[in-house]
Structure formats: C-alpha cells, structure tokens
Amino acid sequence: MLYHFELLMAGVILLSVMAIGGVSLWSKRRRERAEDEERAARSRELAEQRPLGAGAAGKGAPGSGAPRPDPGGGGDAGPRAGAPGSGAPRPDPAGE
C-alpha cells in the first residue's frame, strides 16, 4: 500500500511541475509574439511615414543603392604584413 501511495505522490508532483512548466513556456511565447507584432507594427508605421529612398541616401542605408562601408576599415587590403595569422613574412627590423 505504501508503494502505491508513493507512486501516486510522484505522479502528482510530476504532473504539477509539467503543468507549471507548460504554462510558463506558453506565457513566454505569447509575450514574445506580442512584442514581435508591436515591433512589426512600428516598423510598418515608420515605413509609411518615410518615402522610399529618402533619408540617408549615399550613406549605405538599405535601399539607397549606395555601397555600405567596410566595418573592418581595411577594405580589400587584407591583414597587415607580419601580423600573427596573416601568413605573410615579417619585415626584417634590421633592414637587410
């Protein structure tokens, strides 16, 4: 009889934990979906207020047709000569 009671208590505990976990996951997903819908509504409103191509033309803004600047600042030059991992030989400091 005691073994039966222990199994019932374990089942009640597991059921309650799973129910609480499911409700918390559902609540989190619902909150994230509401936030995503708010962000989408705000971006639609901003897109309706601003005409296409206006704003940061020439500064690499999306839709402006201007090239975006390289975030690394190096362009196509690649890594410096002699920098670790560049594969290039280090310049001789003696100048020989």
N, C-alpha and C. Protein backbone atom coordinates (compact mmCIF):
# COMPACT_ATOMS: atom_id res chain seq x y z
N MET A 1 0.81 -1.19 0.00
CA MET A 1 0.00 0.00 0.00
C MET A 1 0.86 1.26 0.00
N LEU A 2 1.96 1.22 0.76
CA LEU A 2 2.83 2.38 0.83
C LEU A 2 3.46 2.67 -0.53
N TYR A 3 3.82 1.60 -1.26
CA TYR A 3 4.43 1.78 -2.57
C TYR A 3 3.45 2.44 -3.53
N HIS A 4 2.19 2.07 -3.47
CA HIS A 4 1.16 2.66 -4.31
C HIS A 4 1.00 4.15 -4.00
N PHE A 5 1.01 4.50 -2.72
CA PHE A 5 0.89 5.90 -2.30
C PHE A 5 2.08 6.72 -2.80
N GLU A 6 3.30 6.17 -2.72
CA GLU A 6 4.49 6.88 -3.19
C GLU A 6 4.42 7.13 -4.69
N LEU A 7 3.95 6.16 -5.45
CA LEU A 7 3.82 6.34 -6.89
C LEU A 7 2.79 7.42 -7.22
N LEU A 8 1.69 7.43 -6.49
CA LEU A 8 0.68 8.46 -6.70
C LEU A 8 1.24 9.85 -6.39
N MET A 9 1.99 10.00 -5.30
CA MET A 9 2.57 11.29 -4.95
C MET A 9 3.59 11.74 -6.00
N ALA A 10 4.41 10.81 -6.49
CA ALA A 10 5.37 11.16 -7.55
C ALA A 10 4.63 11.60 -8.80
N GLY A 11 3.53 10.93 -9.13
CA GLY A 11 2.74 11.33 -10.29
C GLY A 11 2.13 12.70 -10.13
N VAL A 12 1.62 12.99 -8.94
CA VAL A 12 1.02 14.31 -8.67
C VAL A 12 2.09 15.39 -8.78
N ILE A 13 3.27 15.14 -8.23
CA ILE A 13 4.35 16.13 -8.28
C ILE A 13 4.79 16.35 -9.72
N LEU A 14 5.00 15.26 -10.47
CA LEU A 14 5.43 15.40 -11.86
C LEU A 14 4.38 16.11 -12.71
N LEU A 15 3.12 15.77 -12.50
CA LEU A 15 2.05 16.41 -13.26
C LEU A 15 2.00 17.90 -12.98
N SER A 16 2.12 18.28 -11.71
CA SER A 16 2.06 19.70 -11.38
C SER A 16 3.27 20.45 -11.93
N VAL A 17 4.45 19.86 -11.86
CA VAL A 17 5.65 20.51 -12.39
C VAL A 17 5.54 20.67 -13.91
N MET A 18 5.06 19.64 -14.58
CA MET A 18 4.92 19.73 -16.04
C MET A 18 3.86 20.76 -16.42
N ALA A 19 2.78 20.85 -15.66
CA ALA A 19 1.74 21.83 -15.95
C ALA A 19 2.27 23.26 -15.75
N ILE A 20 3.01 23.48 -14.68
CA ILE A 20 3.58 24.81 -14.42
C ILE A 20 4.59 25.17 -15.51
N GLY A 21 5.43 24.22 -15.89
CA GLY A 21 6.39 24.46 -16.96
C GLY A 21 5.72 24.77 -18.28
N GLY A 22 4.67 24.06 -18.60
CA GLY A 22 3.95 24.31 -19.85
C GLY A 22 3.29 25.67 -19.87
N VAL A 23 2.70 26.06 -18.75
CA VAL A 23 2.06 27.38 -18.68
C VAL A 23 3.11 28.48 -18.79
N SER A 24 4.27 28.32 -18.15
CA SER A 24 5.29 29.36 -18.23
C SER A 24 5.86 29.47 -19.64
N LEU A 25 6.06 28.34 -20.33
CA LEU A 25 6.53 28.39 -21.72
C LEU A 25 5.48 29.03 -22.63
N TRP A 26 4.22 28.70 -22.42
CA TRP A 26 3.15 29.29 -23.22
C TRP A 26 3.09 30.79 -23.01
N SER A 27 3.22 31.22 -21.75
CA SER A 27 3.17 32.65 -21.43
C SER A 27 4.35 33.39 -22.06
N LYS A 28 5.54 32.79 -21.99
CA LYS A 28 6.72 33.42 -22.58
C LYS A 28 6.57 33.54 -24.10
N ARG A 29 6.12 32.48 -24.75
CA ARG A 29 5.93 32.51 -26.20
C ARG A 29 4.88 33.54 -26.60
N ARG A 30 3.82 33.63 -25.82
CA ARG A 30 2.76 34.61 -26.11
C ARG A 30 3.27 36.03 -25.96
N ARG A 31 4.07 36.29 -24.92
CA ARG A 31 4.64 37.62 -24.71
C ARG A 31 5.59 37.99 -25.84
N GLU A 32 6.45 37.05 -26.26
CA GLU A 32 7.38 37.32 -27.36
C GLU A 32 6.63 37.59 -28.66
N ARG A 33 5.56 36.84 -28.92
CA ARG A 33 4.78 37.05 -30.13
C ARG A 33 4.14 38.45 -30.12
N ALA A 34 3.64 38.88 -28.95
CA ALA A 34 3.04 40.21 -28.85
C ALA A 34 4.10 41.29 -29.09
N GLU A 35 5.31 41.11 -28.54
CA GLU A 35 6.38 42.07 -28.76
C GLU A 35 6.78 42.13 -30.23
N ASP A 36 6.85 40.97 -30.88
CA ASP A 36 7.19 40.94 -32.31
C ASP A 36 6.13 41.66 -33.14
N GLU A 37 4.85 41.47 -32.80
CA GLU A 37 3.79 42.15 -33.53
C GLU A 37 3.86 43.66 -33.32
N GLU A 38 4.20 44.10 -32.11
CA GLU A 38 4.34 45.53 -31.85
C GLU A 38 5.50 46.11 -32.66
N ARG A 39 6.64 45.39 -32.70
CA ARG A 39 7.78 45.86 -33.49
C ARG A 39 7.43 45.94 -34.97
N ALA A 40 6.73 44.94 -35.47
CA ALA A 40 6.35 44.94 -36.88
C ALA A 40 5.41 46.10 -37.18
N ALA A 41 4.47 46.37 -36.27
CA ALA A 41 3.54 47.49 -36.48
C ALA A 41 4.30 48.81 -36.48
N ARG A 42 5.26 48.97 -35.56
CA ARG A 42 6.05 50.20 -35.53
C ARG A 42 6.87 50.37 -36.80
N SER A 43 7.48 49.29 -37.29
CA SER A 43 8.29 49.40 -38.50
C SER A 43 7.41 49.70 -39.71
N ARG A 44 6.19 49.13 -39.75
CA ARG A 44 5.26 49.46 -40.84
C ARG A 44 4.88 50.93 -40.79
N GLU A 45 4.62 51.44 -39.59
CA GLU A 45 4.26 52.86 -39.44
C GLU A 45 5.40 53.75 -39.91
N LEU A 46 6.63 53.40 -39.53
CA LEU A 46 7.77 54.21 -39.95
C LEU A 46 7.96 54.14 -41.46
N ALA A 47 7.74 52.97 -42.05
CA ALA A 47 7.90 52.83 -43.49
C ALA A 47 6.83 53.63 -44.23
N GLU A 48 5.65 53.73 -43.68
CA GLU A 48 4.59 54.51 -44.31
C GLU A 48 4.85 56.00 -44.20
N GLN A 49 5.51 56.43 -43.12
CA GLN A 49 5.79 57.85 -42.92
C GLN A 49 6.94 58.33 -43.80
N ARG A 50 7.92 57.48 -44.07
CA ARG A 50 9.11 57.88 -44.81
C ARG A 50 9.00 57.42 -46.25
N PRO A 51 9.14 58.33 -47.22
CA PRO A 51 9.09 57.90 -48.62
C PRO A 51 10.32 57.08 -48.97
N LEU A 52 10.19 56.21 -49.96
CA LEU A 52 11.29 55.35 -50.36
C LEU A 52 12.46 56.17 -50.88
N GLY A 53 13.67 55.78 -50.51
CA GLY A 53 14.87 56.44 -51.00
C GLY A 53 15.21 57.70 -50.25
N ALA A 54 14.36 58.18 -49.37
CA ALA A 54 14.65 59.41 -48.63
C ALA A 54 15.48 59.07 -47.40
N GLY A 55 16.13 60.06 -46.89
CA GLY A 55 16.86 59.84 -45.65
C GLY A 55 18.34 59.79 -45.88
N ALA A 56 18.95 58.67 -45.57
CA ALA A 56 20.40 58.56 -45.57
C ALA A 56 20.93 58.09 -46.91
N ALA A 57 20.49 58.69 -48.00
CA ALA A 57 20.98 58.30 -49.32
C ALA A 57 22.46 58.61 -49.42
N GLY A 58 23.20 57.67 -49.95
CA GLY A 58 24.64 57.86 -50.10
C GLY A 58 25.43 57.45 -48.88
N LYS A 59 24.76 57.03 -47.84
CA LYS A 59 25.46 56.63 -46.63
C LYS A 59 25.39 55.13 -46.41
N GLY A 60 24.99 54.40 -47.41
CA GLY A 60 24.94 52.95 -47.28
C GLY A 60 23.68 52.45 -46.60
N ALA A 61 22.65 53.25 -46.60
CA ALA A 61 21.40 52.82 -45.99
C ALA A 61 20.75 51.77 -46.87
N PRO A 62 20.05 50.81 -46.28
CA PRO A 62 19.39 49.80 -47.09
C PRO A 62 18.38 50.44 -48.04
N GLY A 63 18.43 50.07 -49.29
CA GLY A 63 17.51 50.59 -50.27
C GLY A 63 17.99 51.86 -50.94
N SER A 64 19.13 52.42 -50.51
CA SER A 64 19.60 53.66 -51.10
C SER A 64 20.45 53.40 -52.34
N GLY A 65 20.93 52.18 -52.52
CA GLY A 65 21.76 51.85 -53.67
C GLY A 65 23.22 52.19 -53.44
N ALA A 66 23.55 52.83 -52.33
CA ALA A 66 24.93 53.18 -52.05
C ALA A 66 25.65 52.00 -51.41
N PRO A 67 26.93 51.83 -51.70
CA PRO A 67 27.65 50.71 -51.08
C PRO A 67 27.83 50.97 -49.59
N ARG A 68 27.79 49.91 -48.83
CA ARG A 68 27.99 50.03 -47.39
C ARG A 68 29.48 50.09 -47.10
N PRO A 69 29.88 50.87 -46.11
CA PRO A 69 31.30 50.92 -45.75
C PRO A 69 31.72 49.60 -45.10
N ASP A 70 33.00 49.27 -45.25
CA ASP A 70 33.54 48.05 -44.67
C ASP A 70 33.66 48.25 -43.16
N PRO A 71 33.04 47.40 -42.32
CA PRO A 71 33.11 47.61 -40.89
C PRO A 71 34.51 47.43 -40.34
N GLY A 72 35.36 46.65 -41.04
CA GLY A 72 36.72 46.44 -40.57
C GLY A 72 37.61 47.61 -40.90
N GLY A 73 37.23 48.41 -41.87
CA GLY A 73 38.02 49.57 -42.23
C GLY A 73 39.21 49.23 -43.11
N GLY A 74 39.45 47.96 -43.36
CA GLY A 74 40.64 47.58 -44.12
C GLY A 74 40.39 47.47 -45.60
N GLY A 75 39.16 47.46 -46.02
CA GLY A 75 38.87 47.30 -47.44
C GLY A 75 39.32 45.94 -47.92
N ASP A 76 39.90 45.90 -49.12
CA ASP A 76 40.37 44.64 -49.68
C ASP A 76 41.84 44.40 -49.41
N ALA A 77 42.46 45.20 -48.56
CA ALA A 77 43.90 45.10 -48.34
C ALA A 77 44.27 43.83 -47.59
N GLY A 78 43.36 43.28 -46.83
CA GLY A 78 43.65 42.08 -46.07
C GLY A 78 44.42 42.41 -44.80
N PRO A 79 44.94 41.39 -44.12
CA PRO A 79 45.66 41.65 -42.87
C PRO A 79 47.02 42.29 -43.14
N ARG A 80 47.53 42.94 -42.13
CA ARG A 80 48.84 43.59 -42.26
C ARG A 80 49.92 42.55 -42.49
N ALA A 81 50.97 42.98 -43.15
CA ALA A 81 52.12 42.08 -43.36
C ALA A 81 52.77 41.82 -42.01
N GLY A 82 52.99 40.57 -41.72
CA GLY A 82 53.65 40.20 -40.47
C GLY A 82 52.73 40.08 -39.29
N ALA A 83 51.45 40.33 -39.50
CA ALA A 83 50.51 40.18 -38.39
C ALA A 83 50.35 38.70 -38.08
N PRO A 84 50.18 38.36 -36.82
CA PRO A 84 50.01 36.95 -36.48
C PRO A 84 48.81 36.36 -37.23
N GLY A 85 49.01 35.24 -37.85
CA GLY A 85 47.95 34.56 -38.57
C GLY A 85 47.77 35.04 -39.99
N SER A 86 48.55 36.02 -40.45
CA SER A 86 48.37 36.54 -41.81
C SER A 86 49.07 35.65 -42.83
N GLY A 87 50.06 34.89 -42.41
CA GLY A 87 50.80 34.05 -43.35
C GLY A 87 51.88 34.81 -44.07
N ALA A 88 51.94 36.11 -43.90
CA ALA A 88 52.96 36.92 -44.57
C ALA A 88 54.22 36.96 -43.71
N PRO A 89 55.39 36.99 -44.35
CA PRO A 89 56.62 37.05 -43.55
C PRO A 89 56.75 38.40 -42.88
N ARG A 90 57.37 38.38 -41.72
CA ARG A 90 57.60 39.63 -41.01
C ARG A 90 58.72 40.40 -41.67
N PRO A 91 58.59 41.72 -41.73
CA PRO A 91 59.70 42.51 -42.27
C PRO A 91 60.90 42.44 -41.35
N ASP A 92 62.07 42.48 -41.94
CA ASP A 92 63.31 42.40 -41.16
C ASP A 92 63.55 43.74 -40.49
N PRO A 93 63.64 43.80 -39.14
CA PRO A 93 63.81 45.07 -38.47
C PRO A 93 65.18 45.72 -38.76
N ALA A 94 66.16 44.92 -39.13
CA ALA A 94 67.48 45.47 -39.40
C ALA A 94 67.55 46.08 -40.79
N GLY A 95 66.57 45.82 -41.64
CA GLY A 95 66.56 46.38 -42.97
C GLY A 95 67.46 45.63 -43.93
N GLU A 96 67.81 44.42 -43.62
CA GLU A 96 68.69 43.66 -44.52
C GLU A 96 67.94 42.94 -45.58
